[in-house]
Each structure stands twice: as structure tokens, then as C-alpha cells.
Amino acid sequence: MRTEIFWIDTMGPGRLAVMPRPRGGVGLEEDLRGLKDDGVDILVSLLTPDEEAYLDLQREGEAARRHGLTFHSHPIGDRGIPADPAPLWTLAKALAGRHAEGRTIAAHCRMGIGRSPLLLASILVARGAAPDDAWAAISAARGCIVPDTIAQRDWLSRTAPRTPSS
């Protein structure tokens, strides 16, 4: 059974999705093929190298590229926040531009309730959404309240650019 994708109701023309991590090992190829079949263009992992090893996802990037997906790895510790906001905002703004061009972006961490929603909320804020509206849209898609921690929610509000780019 493939990893479930949760589609976020966003301004178009692109699409955003949050998901738990794909299956490792032999299930990885099927999950990545499924993402491509579902129209995903860009896949972002927020897993750390230790998590990738534990979950047998060390080759996720190369497997994603084999399936025609653009892959980004941006490790953040489980239940954590970026120590330096600049790299995450650089990635979020770049992905916001791809989303505005019509690309479909999926992001995952381990369970899809903390770090990946943090990135996706950052993309939405970079596209002009208010942080609370971004969290509400992702929570509605995920079927549970996100993010996983108060620190993650506070991080977005504290570090969000004052004048979002579109």
C-alpha cells in the first residue's frame, strides 16, 4: 500500500501536498512512482541522515530523480526547528516560485505533521498567506492539527518575512 498524500487547498496554479515519509527499501520505488503518477514534480524530505539510515531511505534522492522528480533534502531534527531561518526561507521562496509557475510540490518528514508542514506553511507565507491561514489549510488537509509543536508554530510567525513575495 502506497504512502498517503494529503492535498492542501491553496492558491494555484500549482499544488501542494504533505505526506508521511515514503516506505523504505523495496517499497520506495512504488511510492515514488505513485507520486509521479499523482502529478508530483518536486519532492522535499526534511529527514535527517540518521533517520534516512534507520528508515532505509538513504537512496531516496537518486530514486526520486530516476522517476522524474526533482528532489530536495533539507534536514531538520524530529520535532525541531531550523537553527538558522535563512536556508529554509531561501528554499521556501524558491519553491513558492515553482508553485506559482504551476508545479506540484510534496513534502515529507517522518509522519507529515511537524517539519514538512513547517516547510509547506513557509511556502504559503512566501506566496502571501498569513501564518495562521497556512496552518489551517495544512491542518484541514492532514486531518489533524499541525504543526507538531508550539515551537514550530512560533518559528513561522517569528521568522516570516515582513513583506512576502508572490
C-alpha atoms as a PDB file:
ATOM      1  CA  MET A   1       0.000   0.000   0.000  1.00  0.00           C
ATOM      2  CA  ARG A   2       1.401   3.374  -1.056  1.00  0.00           C
ATOM      3  CA  THR A   3       2.136   6.234   1.310  1.00  0.00           C
ATOM      4  CA  GLU A   4      -0.905   8.510   1.537  1.00  0.00           C
ATOM      5  CA  ILE A   5      -0.737  12.024   0.104  1.00  0.00           C
ATOM      6  CA  PHE A   6      -2.739  14.857   1.683  1.00  0.00           C
ATOM      7  CA  TRP A   7      -3.540  17.637  -0.806  1.00  0.00           C
ATOM      8  CA  ILE A   8      -3.624  21.192   0.558  1.00  0.00           C
ATOM      9  CA  ASP A   9      -6.242  23.633  -0.704  1.00  0.00           C
ATOM     10  CA  THR A  10      -4.083  26.512  -1.985  1.00  0.00           C
ATOM     11  CA  MET A  11      -3.995  29.329  -4.466  1.00  0.00           C
ATOM     12  CA  GLY A  12      -2.975  27.919  -7.837  1.00  0.00           C
ATOM     13  CA  PRO A  13      -1.862  27.203 -10.344  1.00  0.00           C
ATOM     14  CA  GLY A  14       0.427  24.637  -8.677  1.00  0.00           C
ATOM     15  CA  ARG A  15      -0.487  22.138  -5.985  1.00  0.00           C
ATOM     16  CA  LEU A  16       0.986  21.378  -2.562  1.00  0.00           C
ATOM     17  CA  ALA A  17       0.855  18.124  -0.626  1.00  0.00           C
ATOM     18  CA  VAL A  18       2.003  16.938   2.774  1.00  0.00           C
ATOM     19  CA  MET A  19       2.743  13.296   3.478  1.00  0.00           C
ATOM     20  CA  PRO A  20       4.443  10.899   5.841  1.00  0.00           C
ATOM     21  CA  ARG A  21       7.753   9.540   4.609  1.00  0.00           C
ATOM     22  CA  PRO A  22       7.688   7.040   1.769  1.00  0.00           C
ATOM     23  CA  ARG A  23       8.353   3.432   2.569  1.00  0.00           C
ATOM     24  CA  GLY A  24      11.996   2.496   2.578  1.00  0.00           C
ATOM     25  CA  GLY A  25      13.655  -0.425   0.883  1.00  0.00           C
ATOM     26  CA  VAL A  26      11.609  -2.229  -1.751  1.00  0.00           C
ATOM     27  CA  GLY A  27       8.525  -0.045  -1.164  1.00  0.00           C
ATOM     28  CA  LEU A  28      10.378   3.145  -2.097  1.00  0.00           C
ATOM     29  CA  GLU A  29      10.171   2.646  -5.859  1.00  0.00           C
ATOM     30  CA  GLU A  30       6.408   2.034  -5.757  1.00  0.00           C
ATOM     31  CA  ASP A  31       5.810   5.090  -3.576  1.00  0.00           C
ATOM     32  CA  LEU A  32       7.884   7.362  -5.817  1.00  0.00           C
ATOM     33  CA  ARG A  33       6.222   6.012  -8.954  1.00  0.00           C
ATOM     34  CA  GLY A  34       2.877   6.731  -7.289  1.00  0.00           C
ATOM     35  CA  LEU A  35       3.909  10.304  -6.507  1.00  0.00           C
ATOM     36  CA  LYS A  36       4.888  10.869 -10.130  1.00  0.00           C
ATOM     37  CA  ASP A  37       1.618   9.282 -11.302  1.00  0.00           C
ATOM     38  CA  ASP A  38      -0.253  11.661  -8.973  1.00  0.00           C
ATOM     39  CA  GLY A  39       1.390  14.622 -10.693  1.00  0.00           C
ATOM     40  CA  VAL A  40       4.111  15.485  -8.182  1.00  0.00           C
ATOM     41  CA  ASP A  41       7.009  17.364  -9.796  1.00  0.00           C
ATOM     42  CA  ILE A  42       9.121  18.216  -6.736  1.00  0.00           C
ATOM     43  CA  LEU A  43       9.670  16.126  -3.602  1.00  0.00           C
ATOM     44  CA  VAL A  44      11.228  17.558  -0.441  1.00  0.00           C
ATOM     45  CA  SER A  45      12.457  15.480   2.503  1.00  0.00           C
ATOM     46  CA  LEU A  46      13.017  17.030   5.927  1.00  0.00           C
ATOM     47  CA  LEU A  47      14.519  13.814   7.371  1.00  0.00           C
ATOM     48  CA  THR A  48      17.953  13.814   8.972  1.00  0.00           C
ATOM     49  CA  PRO A  49      20.678  11.456   7.690  1.00  0.00           C
ATOM     50  CA  ASP A  50      20.236   9.262  10.796  1.00  0.00           C
ATOM     51  CA  GLU A  51      16.502   8.953  10.088  1.00  0.00           C
ATOM     52  CA  GLU A  52      17.199   8.165   6.434  1.00  0.00           C
ATOM     53  CA  ALA A  53      19.514   5.331   7.508  1.00  0.00           C
ATOM     54  CA  TYR A  54      17.074   3.981  10.092  1.00  0.00           C
ATOM     55  CA  LEU A  55      14.146   4.117   7.617  1.00  0.00           C
ATOM     56  CA  ASP A  56      16.192   2.738   4.680  1.00  0.00           C
ATOM     57  CA  LEU A  57      15.748   5.960   2.694  1.00  0.00           C
ATOM     58  CA  GLN A  58      19.401   6.827   2.016  1.00  0.00           C
ATOM     59  CA  ARG A  59      18.821   6.451  -1.747  1.00  0.00           C
ATOM     60  CA  GLU A  60      15.568   8.422  -1.869  1.00  0.00           C
ATOM     61  CA  GLY A  61      17.111  11.307  -3.815  1.00  0.00           C
ATOM     62  CA  GLU A  62      18.570   9.195  -6.595  1.00  0.00           C
ATOM     63  CA  ALA A  63      15.414   7.046  -6.777  1.00  0.00           C
ATOM     64  CA  ALA A  64      13.256  10.184  -6.979  1.00  0.00           C
ATOM     65  CA  ARG A  65      15.332  11.508  -9.865  1.00  0.00           C
ATOM     66  CA  ARG A  66      15.012   8.153 -11.667  1.00  0.00           C
ATOM     67  CA  HIS A  67      11.241   8.635 -11.517  1.00  0.00           C
ATOM     68  CA  GLY A  68      11.462  12.150 -12.942  1.00  0.00           C
ATOM     69  CA  LEU A  69      11.055  14.019  -9.657  1.00  0.00           C
ATOM     70  CA  THR A  70      13.163  16.980  -8.610  1.00  0.00           C
ATOM     71  CA  PHE A  71      14.397  16.145  -5.107  1.00  0.00           C
ATOM     72  CA  HIS A  72      15.472  18.428  -2.269  1.00  0.00           C
ATOM     73  CA  SER A  73      16.769  17.314   1.123  1.00  0.00           C
ATOM     74  CA  HIS A  74      16.565  19.875   3.923  1.00  0.00           C
ATOM     75  CA  PRO A  75      17.237  18.022   7.204  1.00  0.00           C
ATOM     76  CA  ILE A  76      15.627  19.293  10.400  1.00  0.00           C
ATOM     77  CA  GLY A  77      15.698  17.256  13.623  1.00  0.00           C
ATOM     78  CA  ASP A  78      12.490  15.465  14.646  1.00  0.00           C
ATOM     79  CA  ARG A  79      10.043  17.867  16.327  1.00  0.00           C
ATOM     80  CA  GLY A  80      12.619  20.587  15.716  1.00  0.00           C
ATOM     81  CA  ILE A  81      13.002  23.943  14.032  1.00  0.00           C
ATOM     82  CA  PRO A  82      15.803  25.309  11.873  1.00  0.00           C
ATOM     83  CA  ALA A  83      18.627  26.827  13.918  1.00  0.00           C
ATOM     84  CA  ASP A  84      19.165  29.363  11.136  1.00  0.00           C
ATOM     85  CA  PRO A  85      15.978  30.503   9.382  1.00  0.00           C
ATOM     86  CA  ALA A  86      17.727  31.776   6.231  1.00  0.00           C
ATOM     87  CA  PRO A  87      18.260  28.419   4.431  1.00  0.00           C
ATOM     88  CA  LEU A  88      14.658  27.294   4.980  1.00  0.00           C
ATOM     89  CA  TRP A  89      13.265  30.627   3.786  1.00  0.00           C
ATOM     90  CA  THR A  90      15.555  30.508   0.733  1.00  0.00           C
ATOM     91  CA  LEU A  91      14.170  27.072  -0.128  1.00  0.00           C
ATOM     92  CA  ALA A  92      10.577  28.098   0.661  1.00  0.00           C
ATOM     93  CA  LYS A  93      10.792  31.174  -1.564  1.00  0.00           C
ATOM     94  CA  ALA A  94      12.299  29.149  -4.421  1.00  0.00           C
ATOM     95  CA  LEU A  95       9.560  26.534  -4.074  1.00  0.00           C
ATOM     96  CA  ALA A  96       6.905  29.268  -3.851  1.00  0.00           C
ATOM     97  CA  GLY A  97       8.124  30.440  -7.241  1.00  0.00           C
ATOM     98  CA  ARG A  98       7.856  26.919  -8.658  1.00  0.00           C
ATOM     99  CA  HIS A  99       4.364  26.587  -7.155  1.00  0.00           C
ATOM    100  CA  ALA A 100       3.348  29.898  -8.768  1.00  0.00           C
ATOM    101  CA  GLU A 101       4.607  28.519 -12.107  1.00  0.00           C
ATOM    102  CA  GLY A 102       2.234  25.564 -11.787  1.00  0.00           C
ATOM    103  CA  ARG A 103       4.500  22.910 -10.285  1.00  0.00           C
ATOM    104  CA  THR A 104       3.225  20.336  -7.809  1.00  0.00           C
ATOM    105  CA  ILE A 105       5.286  20.011  -4.639  1.00  0.00           C
ATOM    106  CA  ALA A 106       5.070  17.293  -1.980  1.00  0.00           C
ATOM    107  CA  ALA A 107       6.990  17.431   1.290  1.00  0.00           C
ATOM    108  CA  HIS A 108       7.541  14.798   3.937  1.00  0.00           C
ATOM    109  CA  CYS A 109       9.217  14.315   7.263  1.00  0.00           C
ATOM    110  CA  ARG A 110       8.662  11.150   9.264  1.00  0.00           C
ATOM    111  CA  MET A 111       4.913  11.431   9.901  1.00  0.00           C
ATOM    112  CA  GLY A 112       3.964  14.569   7.963  1.00  0.00           C
ATOM    113  CA  ILE A 113       2.777  16.522  10.993  1.00  0.00           C
ATOM    114  CA  GLY A 114       5.719  18.710  12.048  1.00  0.00           C
ATOM    115  CA  ARG A 115       8.687  19.537   9.867  1.00  0.00           C
ATOM    116  CA  SER A 116       7.078  19.094   6.450  1.00  0.00           C
ATOM    117  CA  PRO A 117       4.066  21.234   7.419  1.00  0.00           C
ATOM    118  CA  LEU A 118       6.586  23.846   8.610  1.00  0.00           C
ATOM    119  CA  LEU A 119       8.145  23.980   5.141  1.00  0.00           C
ATOM    120  CA  LEU A 120       4.780  23.978   3.370  1.00  0.00           C
ATOM    121  CA  ALA A 121       3.444  26.727   5.637  1.00  0.00           C
ATOM    122  CA  SER A 122       6.579  28.717   4.810  1.00  0.00           C
ATOM    123  CA  ILE A 123       5.849  28.275   1.093  1.00  0.00           C
ATOM    124  CA  LEU A 124       2.292  29.508   1.616  1.00  0.00           C
ATOM    125  CA  VAL A 125       3.525  32.503   3.618  1.00  0.00           C
ATOM    126  CA  ALA A 126       6.050  33.255   0.860  1.00  0.00           C
ATOM    127  CA  ARG A 127       3.073  33.256  -1.538  1.00  0.00           C
ATOM    128  CA  GLY A 128       1.287  35.819   0.654  1.00  0.00           C
ATOM    129  CA  ALA A 129      -0.749  33.770   3.153  1.00  0.00           C
ATOM    130  CA  ALA A 130      -0.934  34.685   6.820  1.00  0.00           C
ATOM    131  CA  PRO A 131       0.788  32.091   9.053  1.00  0.00           C
ATOM    132  CA  ASP A 132      -2.469  31.110  10.810  1.00  0.00           C
ATOM    133  CA  ASP A 133      -4.194  30.617   7.448  1.00  0.00           C
ATOM    134  CA  ALA A 134      -1.309  28.466   6.230  1.00  0.00           C
ATOM    135  CA  TRP A 135      -1.514  26.233   9.322  1.00  0.00           C
ATOM    136  CA  ALA A 136      -5.306  25.975   8.964  1.00  0.00           C
ATOM    137  CA  ALA A 137      -5.064  24.868   5.321  1.00  0.00           C
ATOM    138  CA  ILE A 138      -2.442  22.221   6.097  1.00  0.00           C
ATOM    139  CA  SER A 139      -4.328  21.002   9.189  1.00  0.00           C
ATOM    140  CA  ALA A 140      -7.509  20.638   7.118  1.00  0.00           C
ATOM    141  CA  ALA A 141      -5.648  18.597   4.511  1.00  0.00           C
ATOM    142  CA  ARG A 142      -3.777  16.453   7.023  1.00  0.00           C
ATOM    143  CA  GLY A 143      -6.873  15.771   9.129  1.00  0.00           C
ATOM    144  CA  CYS A 144      -5.158  16.774  12.363  1.00  0.00           C
ATOM    145  CA  ILE A 145      -3.788  19.919  13.901  1.00  0.00           C
ATOM    146  CA  VAL A 146      -0.335  20.799  12.641  1.00  0.00           C
ATOM    147  CA  PRO A 147       2.394  21.584  13.395  1.00  0.00           C
ATOM    148  CA  ASP A 148       3.506  19.029  15.924  1.00  0.00           C
ATOM    149  CA  THR A 149       4.991  21.549  18.364  1.00  0.00           C
ATOM    150  CA  ILE A 150       4.342  25.065  19.603  1.00  0.00           C
ATOM    151  CA  ALA A 151       7.972  25.886  18.778  1.00  0.00           C
ATOM    152  CA  GLN A 152       7.308  25.112  15.099  1.00  0.00           C
ATOM    153  CA  ARG A 153       4.203  27.330  15.064  1.00  0.00           C
ATOM    154  CA  ASP A 154       6.078  30.149  16.808  1.00  0.00           C
ATOM    155  CA  TRP A 155       9.070  29.792  14.472  1.00  0.00           C
ATOM    156  CA  LEU A 156       6.957  30.562  11.415  1.00  0.00           C
ATOM    157  CA  SER A 157       5.375  33.655  12.963  1.00  0.00           C
ATOM    158  CA  ARG A 158       8.696  34.861  14.348  1.00  0.00           C
ATOM    159  CA  THR A 159      10.772  34.398  11.182  1.00  0.00           C
ATOM    160  CA  ALA A 160       8.238  35.075   8.410  1.00  0.00           C
ATOM    161  CA  PRO A 161       9.337  37.824   6.042  1.00  0.00           C
ATOM    162  CA  ARG A 162       7.539  41.084   6.727  1.00  0.00           C
ATOM    163  CA  THR A 163       6.719  41.549   3.043  1.00  0.00           C
ATOM    164  CA  PRO A 164       6.032  38.136   1.478  1.00  0.00           C
ATOM    165  CA  SER A 165       6.939  37.681  -2.164  1.00  0.00           C
ATOM    166  CA  SER A 166       4.493  36.167  -4.601  1.00  0.00           C
END
